[in-house]
Amino acid sequence: MKLSAPLRAFQDRLGHSFAKPELLIRAVTHSSMSSPHRDDNQRLEFLGDRVLGLVMAEALLKADPTAPEGLLAPRYNALVRKEACADVARQIQLGDVIKLGRSEMLTGGRRKEALLGDAMEAVIAAVYLDAGFEAAQARIIALWGDRIENVEADARDPKSALQEWAQGQGEEPPKYVEIDRDGPDHAPVFTIEARLQSGPAEQARAPSKRQAEQAAAKALLARVQGDDT
């Protein structure tokens, strides 16, 4: 099986040449393009998530031999969450080669955070199945780069951090409300408001609901923590 020119170029950006090209093709095939004769990347995503987790756990232990579990866990979560995977996917332009169904393509699927993150995990699994754990580990370490050493000791995604803050104040979890959606169907922009039971609220705009929620949570957390000082 031969790879298309775009996939051959993607191999160069990824830094791995596939002995079994069918694995890469499956890794970039979204479920909206699956058929009885075409496998999608969901099973690979499941495997890639586990491979990524093991690599990151080991890398963090090596990066800081004295760190307690209480510091390692949030660092780990920051490195393996969907936002981090999507960021790496954008770095190597993975979105350009994902095979999508028409409806998913028209709604901006190539830019969706969750879709990019899932595809990145599937590509990791494809490398693992093609060449083994050490090859997958090398690619992950190279692609994540200085994110590993520079990850903040208290790294948490903003939504989780805001929820922890609210719980610490005896409040209910924050609510996220879609205020507006504009732009064309293939490139929507969402306005999300994060609200606390006690009244404070902040809004943010982004190309995906997930990004807008995270941005709104970050802004609201900065506000309430600033009020605490």
Protein backbone atom coordinates (compact mmCIF):
# COMPACT_ATOMS: atom_id res chain seq x y z
CA MET A 1 0.00 0.00 0.00
CA LYS A 2 1.38 3.38 -1.03
CA LEU A 3 0.93 6.64 0.79
CA SER A 4 -0.34 9.77 -0.88
CA ALA A 5 2.02 12.73 -1.30
CA PRO A 6 0.43 14.62 1.64
CA LEU A 7 0.89 11.59 3.91
CA ARG A 8 4.49 11.14 2.79
CA ALA A 9 5.11 14.78 3.69
CA PHE A 10 3.40 14.21 7.02
CA GLN A 11 5.76 11.29 7.73
CA ASP A 12 8.65 13.73 7.41
CA ARG A 13 7.05 16.15 9.86
CA LEU A 14 6.32 13.30 12.24
CA GLY A 15 9.84 11.92 11.96
CA HIS A 16 8.85 8.30 11.33
CA SER A 17 8.73 6.38 8.05
CA PHE A 18 6.13 3.61 8.23
CA ALA A 19 7.03 0.07 7.23
CA LYS A 20 3.28 -0.61 7.34
CA PRO A 21 1.66 2.41 5.67
CA GLU A 22 -1.81 1.07 6.36
CA LEU A 23 -1.32 1.90 10.02
CA LEU A 24 -0.82 5.60 9.27
CA ILE A 25 -3.80 5.62 6.92
CA ARG A 26 -5.97 4.13 9.65
CA ALA A 27 -4.61 6.57 12.22
CA VAL A 28 -5.72 9.58 10.18
CA THR A 29 -9.16 8.17 9.28
CA HIS A 30 -11.88 9.73 11.42
CA SER A 31 -15.00 7.74 12.31
CA SER A 32 -17.03 9.96 9.97
CA MET A 33 -15.15 8.27 7.09
CA SER A 34 -15.37 4.68 8.33
CA SER A 35 -17.05 1.97 6.28
CA PRO A 36 -17.15 -1.86 6.18
CA HIS A 37 -13.97 -1.68 4.07
CA ARG A 38 -12.25 1.22 5.85
CA ASP A 39 -11.24 1.13 9.52
CA ASP A 40 -11.31 4.34 11.54
CA ASN A 41 -8.80 5.45 14.19
CA GLN A 42 -10.84 4.88 17.36
CA ARG A 43 -9.13 1.67 18.46
CA LEU A 44 -5.73 3.20 17.74
CA GLU A 45 -6.70 6.24 19.79
CA PHE A 46 -7.44 3.94 22.75
CA LEU A 47 -4.02 2.31 22.48
CA GLY A 48 -2.14 5.53 21.82
CA ASP A 49 -3.54 7.12 24.95
CA ARG A 50 -1.99 4.32 27.03
CA VAL A 51 1.36 4.47 25.23
CA LEU A 52 1.52 8.23 25.71
CA GLY A 53 0.67 7.84 29.39
CA LEU A 54 3.47 5.37 30.05
CA VAL A 55 6.03 7.47 28.18
CA MET A 56 5.06 10.63 30.04
CA ALA A 57 5.03 8.96 33.44
CA GLU A 58 8.54 7.64 32.89
CA ALA A 59 9.78 10.95 31.44
CA LEU A 60 8.49 12.92 34.43
CA LEU A 61 10.15 10.58 36.89
CA LYS A 62 13.46 11.03 35.07
CA ALA A 63 13.05 14.80 34.75
CA ASP A 64 12.54 15.27 38.50
CA PRO A 65 13.78 12.28 40.55
CA THR A 66 12.72 13.81 43.86
CA ALA A 67 9.22 15.06 43.00
CA PRO A 68 6.42 13.54 45.11
CA GLU A 69 3.31 12.04 43.56
CA GLY A 70 1.36 15.15 44.49
CA LEU A 71 3.47 17.20 42.06
CA LEU A 72 3.89 14.51 39.40
CA ALA A 73 0.16 13.90 38.93
CA PRO A 74 -0.81 17.43 37.81
CA ARG A 75 2.26 17.64 35.58
CA TYR A 76 1.29 14.33 34.00
CA ASN A 77 -2.29 15.46 33.45
CA ALA A 78 -1.10 18.67 31.79
CA LEU A 79 1.06 16.74 29.32
CA VAL A 80 -1.41 14.02 28.29
CA ARG A 81 -4.71 15.94 28.19
CA LYS A 82 -6.45 16.53 24.86
CA GLU A 83 -5.32 20.16 24.66
CA ALA A 84 -1.66 19.13 24.83
CA CYS A 85 -2.14 16.40 22.21
CA ALA A 86 -4.00 18.83 19.94
CA ASP A 87 -1.20 21.39 20.34
CA VAL A 88 1.36 18.83 19.15
CA ALA A 89 -0.99 17.82 16.32
CA ARG A 90 -1.11 21.44 15.13
CA GLN A 91 2.69 21.64 15.40
CA ILE A 92 3.07 18.86 12.80
CA GLN A 93 -0.01 19.92 10.78
CA LEU A 94 -1.82 16.67 11.43
CA GLY A 95 -5.16 18.32 10.72
CA ASP A 96 -4.17 18.73 7.06
CA VAL A 97 -4.13 14.96 6.45
CA ILE A 98 -7.05 13.74 8.57
CA LYS A 99 -9.66 11.96 6.46
CA LEU A 100 -13.08 13.35 7.36
CA GLY A 101 -16.65 12.82 6.25
CA ARG A 102 -18.34 15.73 4.48
CA SER A 103 -20.45 16.84 7.46
CA GLU A 104 -17.47 16.83 9.81
CA MET A 105 -15.39 18.74 7.29
CA LEU A 106 -18.07 21.40 6.82
CA THR A 107 -18.24 22.01 10.57
CA GLY A 108 -14.52 22.72 10.88
CA GLY A 109 -13.43 19.27 12.00
CA ARG A 110 -9.77 19.83 11.12
CA ARG A 111 -9.55 22.51 13.81
CA LYS A 112 -11.53 20.77 16.56
CA GLU A 113 -9.48 20.28 19.71
CA ALA A 114 -10.87 16.86 20.60
CA LEU A 115 -10.60 15.53 17.04
CA LEU A 116 -6.97 16.65 16.73
CA GLY A 117 -6.10 15.24 20.15
CA ASP A 118 -7.68 11.89 19.34
CA ALA A 119 -5.88 11.69 15.99
CA MET A 120 -2.55 12.46 17.66
CA GLU A 121 -3.07 9.57 20.06
CA ALA A 122 -3.94 7.32 17.09
CA VAL A 123 -0.73 8.31 15.30
CA ILE A 124 1.26 7.45 18.43
CA ALA A 125 -0.33 4.00 18.45
CA ALA A 126 0.42 3.57 14.75
CA VAL A 127 4.11 4.27 15.37
CA TYR A 128 4.08 1.85 18.32
CA LEU A 129 2.52 -0.96 16.26
CA ASP A 130 4.79 -0.23 13.30
CA ALA A 131 8.12 -0.11 15.11
CA GLY A 132 7.71 -0.88 18.80
CA PHE A 133 7.72 0.99 22.09
CA GLU A 134 11.16 2.58 21.81
CA ALA A 135 10.30 4.15 18.46
CA ALA A 136 7.04 5.52 19.82
CA GLN A 137 8.80 6.79 22.93
CA ALA A 138 11.43 8.58 20.87
CA ARG A 139 8.80 10.30 18.73
CA ILE A 140 6.76 11.39 21.76
CA ILE A 141 9.78 12.82 23.58
CA ALA A 142 10.88 14.66 20.44
CA LEU A 143 7.44 16.07 19.65
CA TRP A 144 6.57 17.13 23.18
CA GLY A 145 10.07 18.61 23.49
CA ASP A 146 10.60 21.14 26.25
CA ARG A 147 6.97 20.89 27.32
CA ILE A 148 8.11 18.07 29.61
CA GLU A 149 10.79 19.99 31.48
CA ASN A 150 8.86 23.25 31.48
CA VAL A 151 5.50 21.92 32.62
CA GLU A 152 4.44 23.91 35.67
CA ALA A 153 4.59 22.13 39.02
CA ASP A 154 0.96 23.03 39.67
CA ALA A 155 -0.14 22.45 36.10
CA ARG A 156 -3.85 21.82 35.86
CA ASP A 157 -6.28 22.63 33.12
CA PRO A 158 -8.22 25.79 34.00
CA LYS A 159 -11.61 24.07 34.27
CA SER A 160 -10.31 21.57 36.81
CA ALA A 161 -8.51 24.29 38.74
CA LEU A 162 -11.62 26.48 38.85
CA GLN A 163 -13.75 23.58 40.03
CA GLU A 164 -11.26 22.79 42.79
CA TRP A 165 -11.31 26.45 43.86
CA ALA A 166 -15.12 26.46 43.95
CA GLN A 167 -15.23 23.27 46.00
CA GLY A 168 -12.72 24.76 48.41
CA GLN A 169 -15.10 27.69 48.92
CA GLY A 170 -18.07 25.37 49.52
CA GLU A 171 -19.65 26.33 46.20
CA GLU A 172 -21.27 24.21 43.51
CA PRO A 173 -19.17 23.43 40.41
CA PRO A 174 -19.02 26.30 37.89
CA LYS A 175 -21.47 26.38 35.01
CA TYR A 176 -20.57 26.99 31.37
CA VAL A 177 -23.17 28.69 29.19
CA GLU A 178 -22.99 29.22 25.43
CA ILE A 179 -23.72 32.92 24.95
CA ASP A 180 -23.19 33.17 21.21
CA ARG A 181 -22.04 31.34 18.12
CA ASP A 182 -21.12 33.19 14.96
CA GLY A 183 -19.11 32.70 11.81
CA PRO A 184 -19.74 30.17 9.00
CA ASP A 185 -20.58 26.54 9.76
CA HIS A 186 -17.10 25.41 8.71
CA ALA A 187 -15.37 27.92 11.00
CA PRO A 188 -17.62 28.78 13.96
CA VAL A 189 -16.58 30.96 16.87
CA PHE A 190 -18.13 30.29 20.28
CA THR A 191 -18.65 32.70 23.14
CA ILE A 192 -18.84 30.86 26.46
CA GLU A 193 -19.49 32.29 29.91
CA ALA A 194 -18.12 30.59 33.01
CA ARG A 195 -20.28 31.32 36.07
CA LEU A 196 -19.89 30.68 39.76
CA GLN A 197 -22.78 30.16 42.15
CA SER A 198 -21.67 33.21 44.14
CA GLY A 199 -22.02 35.50 41.13
CA PRO A 200 -18.66 36.13 39.41
CA ALA A 201 -18.57 35.32 35.69
CA GLU A 202 -16.19 35.72 32.75
CA GLN A 203 -16.60 35.21 29.00
CA ALA A 204 -14.22 34.00 26.29
CA ARG A 205 -14.36 33.40 22.53
CA ALA A 206 -12.65 30.55 20.66
CA PRO A 207 -13.06 28.29 17.59
CA SER A 208 -14.30 25.40 19.76
CA LYS A 209 -16.50 25.12 22.82
CA ARG A 210 -13.75 23.31 24.71
CA GLN A 211 -11.22 26.09 24.04
CA ALA A 212 -13.73 28.79 24.94
CA GLU A 213 -14.66 27.03 28.18
CA GLN A 214 -11.00 26.67 29.16
CA ALA A 215 -10.29 30.32 28.35
CA ALA A 216 -13.34 31.52 30.29
CA ALA A 217 -12.38 29.32 33.25
CA LYS A 218 -8.83 30.69 33.19
CA ALA A 219 -10.09 34.28 33.19
CA LEU A 220 -12.58 33.61 35.99
CA LEU A 221 -9.98 31.78 38.09
CA ALA A 222 -7.54 34.66 37.73
CA ARG A 223 -10.29 37.06 38.81
CA VAL A 224 -11.40 35.19 41.94
CA GLN A 225 -7.87 34.35 43.01
CA GLY A 226 -6.96 37.99 42.57
CA ASP A 227 -9.89 38.93 44.79
CA ASP A 228 -8.51 36.56 47.44
CA THR A 229 -5.19 38.39 47.67
